PDB file of N, CA and C in Angstrom:
ATOM      1  N   MET A   1     -40.421  42.914 -76.990  1.00  0.00           N
ATOM      2  CA  MET A   1     -41.449  43.067 -78.015  1.00  0.00           C
ATOM      3  C   MET A   1     -42.626  42.163 -77.599  1.00  0.00           C
ATOM      4  N   ALA A   2     -43.851  42.620 -77.822  1.00  0.00           N
ATOM      5  CA  ALA A   2     -45.051  41.891 -77.484  1.00  0.00           C
ATOM      6  C   ALA A   2     -45.239  40.742 -78.418  1.00  0.00           C
ATOM      7  N   ASP A   3     -45.863  39.650 -77.924  1.00  0.00           N
ATOM      8  CA  ASP A   3     -46.205  38.549 -78.815  1.00  0.00           C
ATOM      9  C   ASP A   3     -47.313  38.932 -79.736  1.00  0.00           C
ATOM     10  N   THR A   4     -47.288  38.366 -80.942  1.00  0.00           N
ATOM     11  CA  THR A   4     -48.383  38.628 -81.873  1.00  0.00           C
ATOM     12  C   THR A   4     -49.256  37.366 -81.960  1.00  0.00           C
ATOM     13  N   ILE A   5     -50.483  37.625 -82.338  1.00  0.00           N
ATOM     14  CA  ILE A   5     -51.472  36.536 -82.473  1.00  0.00           C
ATOM     15  C   ILE A   5     -51.710  36.281 -83.904  1.00  0.00           C
ATOM     16  N   ASP A   6     -51.644  34.982 -84.334  1.00  0.00           N
ATOM     17  CA  ASP A   6     -51.990  34.606 -85.707  1.00  0.00           C
ATOM     18  C   ASP A   6     -53.474  34.352 -85.683  1.00  0.00           C
ATOM     19  N   ILE A   7     -54.277  35.341 -86.043  1.00  0.00           N
ATOM     20  CA  ILE A   7     -55.740  35.227 -85.901  1.00  0.00           C
ATOM     21  C   ILE A   7     -56.248  34.151 -86.874  1.00  0.00           C
ATOM     22  N   ALA A   8     -55.542  33.810 -87.905  1.00  0.00           N
ATOM     23  CA  ALA A   8     -56.011  32.735 -88.776  1.00  0.00           C
ATOM     24  C   ALA A   8     -56.078  31.406 -88.062  1.00  0.00           C
ATOM     25  N   LYS A   9     -55.305  31.250 -87.012  1.00  0.00           N
ATOM     26  CA  LYS A   9     -55.280  29.993 -86.253  1.00  0.00           C
ATOM     27  C   LYS A   9     -56.325  29.957 -85.118  1.00  0.00           C
ATOM     28  N   LEU A  10     -57.014  31.056 -84.858  1.00  0.00           N
ATOM     29  CA  LEU A  10     -58.001  31.128 -83.798  1.00  0.00           C
ATOM     30  C   LEU A  10     -59.303  30.535 -84.300  1.00  0.00           C
ATOM     31  N   THR A  11     -60.024  29.900 -83.366  1.00  0.00           N
ATOM     32  CA  THR A  11     -61.404  29.422 -83.686  1.00  0.00           C
ATOM     33  C   THR A  11     -62.283  30.593 -83.842  1.00  0.00           C
ATOM     34  N   LYS A  12     -63.536  30.376 -84.338  1.00  0.00           N
ATOM     35  CA  LYS A  12     -64.482  31.438 -84.498  1.00  0.00           C
ATOM     36  C   LYS A  12     -64.813  32.085 -83.157  1.00  0.00           C
ATOM     37  N   LYS A  13     -64.968  31.199 -82.131  1.00  0.00           N
ATOM     38  CA  LYS A  13     -65.285  31.706 -80.823  1.00  0.00           C
ATOM     39  C   LYS A  13     -64.147  32.560 -80.276  1.00  0.00           C
ATOM     40  N   GLU A  14     -62.926  32.104 -80.442  1.00  0.00           N
ATOM     41  CA  GLU A  14     -61.748  32.883 -79.995  1.00  0.00           C
ATOM     42  C   GLU A  14     -61.676  34.250 -80.734  1.00  0.00           C
ATOM     43  N   ARG A  15     -61.992  34.245 -82.019  1.00  0.00           N
ATOM     44  CA  ARG A  15     -61.920  35.530 -82.766  1.00  0.00           C
ATOM     45  C   ARG A  15     -63.053  36.453 -82.246  1.00  0.00           C
ATOM     46  N   LEU A  16     -64.215  35.902 -82.010  1.00  0.00           N
ATOM     47  CA  LEU A  16     -65.345  36.714 -81.481  1.00  0.00           C
ATOM     48  C   LEU A  16     -65.007  37.258 -80.072  1.00  0.00           C
ATOM     49  N   ASP A  17     -64.365  36.400 -79.260  1.00  0.00           N
ATOM     50  CA  ASP A  17     -63.987  36.840 -77.940  1.00  0.00           C
ATOM     51  C   ASP A  17     -62.938  37.963 -78.034  1.00  0.00           C
ATOM     52  N   LEU A  18     -62.034  37.865 -79.013  1.00  0.00           N
ATOM     53  CA  LEU A  18     -61.006  38.906 -79.217  1.00  0.00           C
ATOM     54  C   LEU A  18     -61.668  40.217 -79.659  1.00  0.00           C
ATOM     55  N   ILE A  19     -62.657  40.106 -80.555  1.00  0.00           N
ATOM     56  CA  ILE A  19     -63.384  41.335 -80.964  1.00  0.00           C
ATOM     57  C   ILE A  19     -64.031  41.982 -79.738  1.00  0.00           C
ATOM     58  N   GLY A  20     -64.639  41.138 -78.870  1.00  0.00           N
ATOM     59  CA  GLY A  20     -65.290  41.678 -77.667  1.00  0.00           C
ATOM     60  C   GLY A  20     -64.285  42.360 -76.793  1.00  0.00           C
ATOM     61  N   GLU A  21     -63.131  41.785 -76.599  1.00  0.00           N
ATOM     62  CA  GLU A  21     -62.089  42.354 -75.748  1.00  0.00           C
ATOM     63  C   GLU A  21     -61.572  43.669 -76.329  1.00  0.00           C
ATOM     64  N   LEU A  22     -61.413  43.700 -77.628  1.00  0.00           N
ATOM     65  CA  LEU A  22     -60.966  44.953 -78.290  1.00  0.00           C
ATOM     66  C   LEU A  22     -62.005  46.030 -78.106  1.00  0.00           C
ATOM     67  N   TRP A  23     -63.283  45.688 -78.319  1.00  0.00           N
ATOM     68  CA  TRP A  23     -64.382  46.656 -78.228  1.00  0.00           C
ATOM     69  C   TRP A  23     -64.470  47.189 -76.823  1.00  0.00           C
ATOM     70  N   ASP A  24     -64.406  46.251 -75.812  1.00  0.00           N
ATOM     71  CA  ASP A  24     -64.468  46.660 -74.439  1.00  0.00           C
ATOM     72  C   ASP A  24     -63.298  47.539 -73.997  1.00  0.00           C
ATOM     73  N   SER A  25     -62.195  47.447 -74.719  1.00  0.00           N
ATOM     74  CA  SER A  25     -61.036  48.260 -74.337  1.00  0.00           C
ATOM     75  C   SER A  25     -61.135  49.735 -74.733  1.00  0.00           C
ATOM     76  N   LEU A  26     -62.166  50.028 -75.520  1.00  0.00           N
ATOM     77  CA  LEU A  26     -62.395  51.398 -75.984  1.00  0.00           C
ATOM     78  C   LEU A  26     -63.243  52.139 -74.991  1.00  0.00           C
ATOM     79  N   ALA A  27     -62.876  53.390 -74.758  1.00  0.00           N
ATOM     80  CA  ALA A  27     -63.757  54.272 -73.933  1.00  0.00           C
ATOM     81  C   ALA A  27     -64.845  54.858 -74.814  1.00  0.00           C
ATOM     82  N   PRO A  28     -65.952  55.242 -74.253  1.00  0.00           N
ATOM     83  CA  PRO A  28     -67.052  55.801 -75.042  1.00  0.00           C
ATOM     84  C   PRO A  28     -66.563  56.974 -75.948  1.00  0.00           C
ATOM     85  N   GLU A  29     -65.661  57.782 -75.454  1.00  0.00           N
ATOM     86  CA  GLU A  29     -65.177  58.905 -76.231  1.00  0.00           C
ATOM     87  C   GLU A  29     -64.278  58.472 -77.389  1.00  0.00           C
ATOM     88  N   ASP A  30     -63.809  57.193 -77.418  1.00  0.00           N
ATOM     89  CA  ASP A  30     -63.015  56.689 -78.503  1.00  0.00           C
ATOM     90  C   ASP A  30     -63.871  56.328 -79.714  1.00  0.00           C
ATOM     91  N   VAL A  31     -65.166  56.212 -79.519  1.00  0.00           N
ATOM     92  CA  VAL A  31     -66.064  55.775 -80.607  1.00  0.00           C
ATOM     93  C   VAL A  31     -66.969  56.942 -81.022  1.00  0.00           C
ATOM     94  N   SER A  32     -66.828  57.354 -82.251  1.00  0.00           N
ATOM     95  CA  SER A  32     -67.710  58.427 -82.668  1.00  0.00           C
ATOM     96  C   SER A  32     -68.716  57.869 -83.646  1.00  0.00           C
ATOM     97  N   LEU A  33     -69.916  58.413 -83.601  1.00  0.00           N
ATOM     98  CA  LEU A  33     -71.002  58.021 -84.473  1.00  0.00           C
ATOM     99  C   LEU A  33     -71.140  58.967 -85.617  1.00  0.00           C
ATOM    100  N   THR A  34     -71.628  58.491 -86.741  1.00  0.00           N
ATOM    101  CA  THR A  34     -71.915  59.368 -87.868  1.00  0.00           C
ATOM    102  C   THR A  34     -73.190  60.109 -87.505  1.00  0.00           C
ATOM    103  N   PRO A  35     -73.488  61.212 -88.195  1.00  0.00           N
ATOM    104  CA  PRO A  35     -74.768  61.905 -87.952  1.00  0.00           C
ATOM    105  C   PRO A  35     -76.007  60.987 -88.159  1.00  0.00           C
ATOM    106  N   ALA A  36     -75.906  60.087 -89.140  1.00  0.00           N
ATOM    107  CA  ALA A  36     -77.037  59.193 -89.373  1.00  0.00           C
ATOM    108  C   ALA A  36     -77.192  58.200 -88.228  1.00  0.00           C
ATOM    109  N   GLN A  37     -76.067  57.713 -87.636  1.00  0.00           N
ATOM    110  CA  GLN A  37     -76.103  56.833 -86.485  1.00  0.00           C
ATOM    111  C   GLN A  37     -76.672  57.566 -85.290  1.00  0.00           C
ATOM    112  N   GLU A  38     -76.238  58.808 -85.083  1.00  0.00           N
ATOM    113  CA  GLU A  38     -76.756  59.621 -84.010  1.00  0.00           C
ATOM    114  C   GLU A  38     -78.307  59.804 -84.105  1.00  0.00           C
ATOM    115  N   ALA A  39     -78.738  60.074 -85.326  1.00  0.00           N
ATOM    116  CA  ALA A  39     -80.170  60.253 -85.525  1.00  0.00           C
ATOM    117  C   ALA A  39     -80.946  58.976 -85.277  1.00  0.00           C
ATOM    118  N   GLU A  40     -80.404  57.854 -85.732  1.00  0.00           N
ATOM    119  CA  GLU A  40     -81.079  56.551 -85.489  1.00  0.00           C
ATOM    120  C   GLU A  40     -81.120  56.242 -84.030  1.00  0.00           C
ATOM    121  N   LEU A  41     -80.056  56.464 -83.311  1.00  0.00           N
ATOM    122  CA  LEU A  41     -80.002  56.233 -81.874  1.00  0.00           C
ATOM    123  C   LEU A  41     -81.011  57.074 -81.160  1.00  0.00           C
ATOM    124  N   ALA A  42     -81.109  58.345 -81.544  1.00  0.00           N
ATOM    125  CA  ALA A  42     -82.087  59.197 -80.942  1.00  0.00           C
ATOM    126  C   ALA A  42     -83.509  58.752 -81.217  1.00  0.00           C
ATOM    127  N   ARG A  43     -83.784  58.311 -82.461  1.00  0.00           N
ATOM    128  CA  ARG A  43     -85.104  57.795 -82.806  1.00  0.00           C
ATOM    129  C   ARG A  43     -85.457  56.573 -81.970  1.00  0.00           C
ATOM    130  N   ARG A  44     -84.467  55.676 -81.805  1.00  0.00           N
ATOM    131  CA  ARG A  44     -84.715  54.477 -81.013  1.00  0.00           C
ATOM    132  C   ARG A  44     -84.957  54.771 -79.566  1.00  0.00           C
ATOM    133  N   MET A  45     -84.203  55.740 -79.018  1.00  0.00           N
ATOM    134  CA  MET A  45     -84.399  56.112 -77.637  1.00  0.00           C
ATOM    135  C   MET A  45     -85.802  56.677 -77.381  1.00  0.00           C
ATOM    136  N   VAL A  46     -86.295  57.517 -78.304  1.00  0.00           N
ATOM    137  CA  VAL A  46     -87.657  58.042 -78.191  1.00  0.00           C
ATOM    138  C   VAL A  46     -88.641  56.896 -78.187  1.00  0.00           C
ATOM    139  N   THR A  47     -88.515  55.950 -79.082  1.00  0.00           N
ATOM    140  CA  THR A  47     -89.330  54.798 -79.136  1.00  0.00           C
ATOM    141  C   THR A  47     -89.291  53.998 -77.840  1.00  0.00           C
ATOM    142  N   PHE A  48     -88.106  53.785 -77.401  1.00  0.00           N
ATOM    143  CA  PHE A  48     -87.859  52.985 -76.126  1.00  0.00           C
ATOM    144  C   PHE A  48     -88.573  53.684 -74.967  1.00  0.00           C
ATOM    145  N   GLU A  49     -88.331  54.998 -74.825  1.00  0.00           N
ATOM    146  CA  GLU A  49     -88.948  55.729 -73.692  1.00  0.00           C
ATOM    147  C   GLU A  49     -90.452  55.735 -73.783  1.00  0.00           C
ATOM    148  N   ALA A  50     -91.001  55.759 -74.979  1.00  0.00           N
ATOM    149  CA  ALA A  50     -92.467  55.763 -75.133  1.00  0.00           C
ATOM    150  C   ALA A  50     -93.043  54.435 -74.793  1.00  0.00           C
ATOM    151  N   ASP A  51     -92.272  53.344 -75.092  1.00  0.00           N
ATOM    152  CA  ASP A  51     -92.778  51.961 -74.869  1.00  0.00           C
ATOM    153  C   ASP A  51     -92.301  51.323 -73.590  1.00  0.00           C
ATOM    154  N   VAL A  52     -91.555  52.060 -72.737  1.00  0.00           N
ATOM    155  CA  VAL A  52     -90.962  51.426 -71.565  1.00  0.00           C
ATOM    156  C   VAL A  52     -91.998  50.811 -70.637  1.00  0.00           C
ATOM    157  N   GLN A  53     -93.165  51.323 -70.552  1.00  0.00           N
ATOM    158  CA  GLN A  53     -94.167  50.747 -69.664  1.00  0.00           C
ATOM    159  C   GLN A  53     -94.640  49.374 -70.189  1.00  0.00           C
ATOM    160  N   GLY A  54     -94.594  49.164 -71.489  1.00  0.00           N
ATOM    161  CA  GLY A  54     -95.016  47.889 -72.078  1.00  0.00           C
ATOM    162  C   GLY A  54     -93.897  46.888 -72.167  1.00  0.00           C
ATOM    163  N   ALA A  55     -92.699  47.204 -71.709  1.00  0.00           N
ATOM    164  CA  ALA A  55     -91.558  46.350 -71.841  1.00  0.00           C
ATOM    165  C   ALA A  55     -91.630  45.152 -70.886  1.00  0.00           C
ATOM    166  N   MET A  56     -91.027  44.052 -71.229  1.00  0.00           N
ATOM    167  CA  MET A  56     -90.993  42.882 -70.385  1.00  0.00           C
ATOM    168  C   MET A  56     -89.572  42.697 -69.895  1.00  0.00           C
ATOM    169  N   SER A  57     -89.426  42.187 -68.655  1.00  0.00           N
ATOM    170  CA  SER A  57     -88.095  41.866 -68.160  1.00  0.00           C
ATOM    171  C   SER A  57     -87.622  40.564 -68.832  1.00  0.00           C
ATOM    172  N   TRP A  58     -86.316  40.314 -68.753  1.00  0.00           N
ATOM    173  CA  TRP A  58     -85.798  39.081 -69.338  1.00  0.00           C
ATOM    174  C   TRP A  58     -86.431  37.890 -68.662  1.00  0.00           C
ATOM    175  N   ASP A  59     -86.675  37.942 -67.366  1.00  0.00           N
ATOM    176  CA  ASP A  59     -87.311  36.772 -66.671  1.00  0.00           C
ATOM    177  C   ASP A  59     -88.737  36.549 -67.221  1.00  0.00           C
ATOM    178  N   GLU A  60     -89.437  37.603 -67.529  1.00  0.00           N
ATOM    179  CA  GLU A  60     -90.799  37.437 -68.118  1.00  0.00           C
ATOM    180  C   GLU A  60     -90.707  36.822 -69.560  1.00  0.00           C
ATOM    181  N   VAL A  61     -89.706  37.272 -70.289  1.00  0.00           N
ATOM    182  CA  VAL A  61     -89.520  36.717 -71.650  1.00  0.00           C
ATOM    183  C   VAL A  61     -89.230  35.223 -71.574  1.00  0.00           C
ATOM    184  N   GLU A  62     -88.340  34.894 -70.608  1.00  0.00           N
ATOM    185  CA  GLU A  62     -87.954  33.444 -70.481  1.00  0.00           C
ATOM    186  C   GLU A  62     -89.153  32.603 -70.067  1.00  0.00           C
ATOM    187  N   VAL A  63     -89.963  33.054 -69.183  1.00  0.00           N
ATOM    188  CA  VAL A  63     -91.172  32.355 -68.752  1.00  0.00           C
ATOM    189  C   VAL A  63     -92.107  32.163 -69.959  1.00  0.00           C
ATOM    190  N   GLU A  64     -92.273  33.193 -70.765  1.00  0.00           N
ATOM    191  CA  GLU A  64     -93.143  33.140 -71.928  1.00  0.00           C
ATOM    192  C   GLU A  64     -92.623  32.143 -72.933  1.00  0.00           C
ATOM    193  N   LEU A  65     -91.286  32.197 -73.174  1.00  0.00           N
ATOM    194  CA  LEU A  65     -90.683  31.254 -74.130  1.00  0.00           C
ATOM    195  C   LEU A  65     -90.811  29.762 -73.656  1.00  0.00           C
ATOM    196  N   ASN A  66     -90.631  29.583 -72.367  1.00  0.00           N
ATOM    197  CA  ASN A  66     -90.726  28.247 -71.820  1.00  0.00           C
ATOM    198  C   ASN A  66     -92.148  27.697 -71.908  1.00  0.00           C
ATOM    199  N   LYS A  67     -93.120  28.563 -71.863  1.00  0.00           N
ATOM    200  CA  LYS A  67     -94.527  28.133 -72.007  1.00  0.00           C
ATOM    201  C   LYS A  67     -94.780  27.587 -73.432  1.00  0.00           C
ATOM    202  N   ARG A  68     -94.040  28.106 -74.390  1.00  0.00           N
ATOM    203  CA  ARG A  68     -94.262  27.758 -75.799  1.00  0.00           C
ATOM    204  C   ARG A  68     -93.584  26.440 -76.164  1.00  0.00           C
ATOM    205  N   ARG A  69     -92.766  25.905 -75.314  1.00  0.00           N
ATOM    206  CA  ARG A  69     -92.057  24.655 -75.613  1.00  0.00           C
ATOM    207  C   ARG A  69     -92.907  23.446 -75.376  1.00  0.00           C
TER     208      ARG A  69
END
C-alpha cells in the first residue's frame, strides 16, 4: 500500500509544490474548460496576437525594473 501524506503537516511551500506536481501530472486532455473559460482564453489570445509586436521580453522587463530602483 502506498504511503499517505498528512497535508496538514506540510509547510505552505510544500503544499504549493504538491499542487504544482499534481497539476503537472495532468495531460492537457485531462483538463476541460467551461464555455466561458474557452471564450475568455480566445479573447485573450486575440489581444495577445494583436499586441505581440509591443511585447517586452523578460530581460527587457528586468532591465526596466532595475532602472527604477
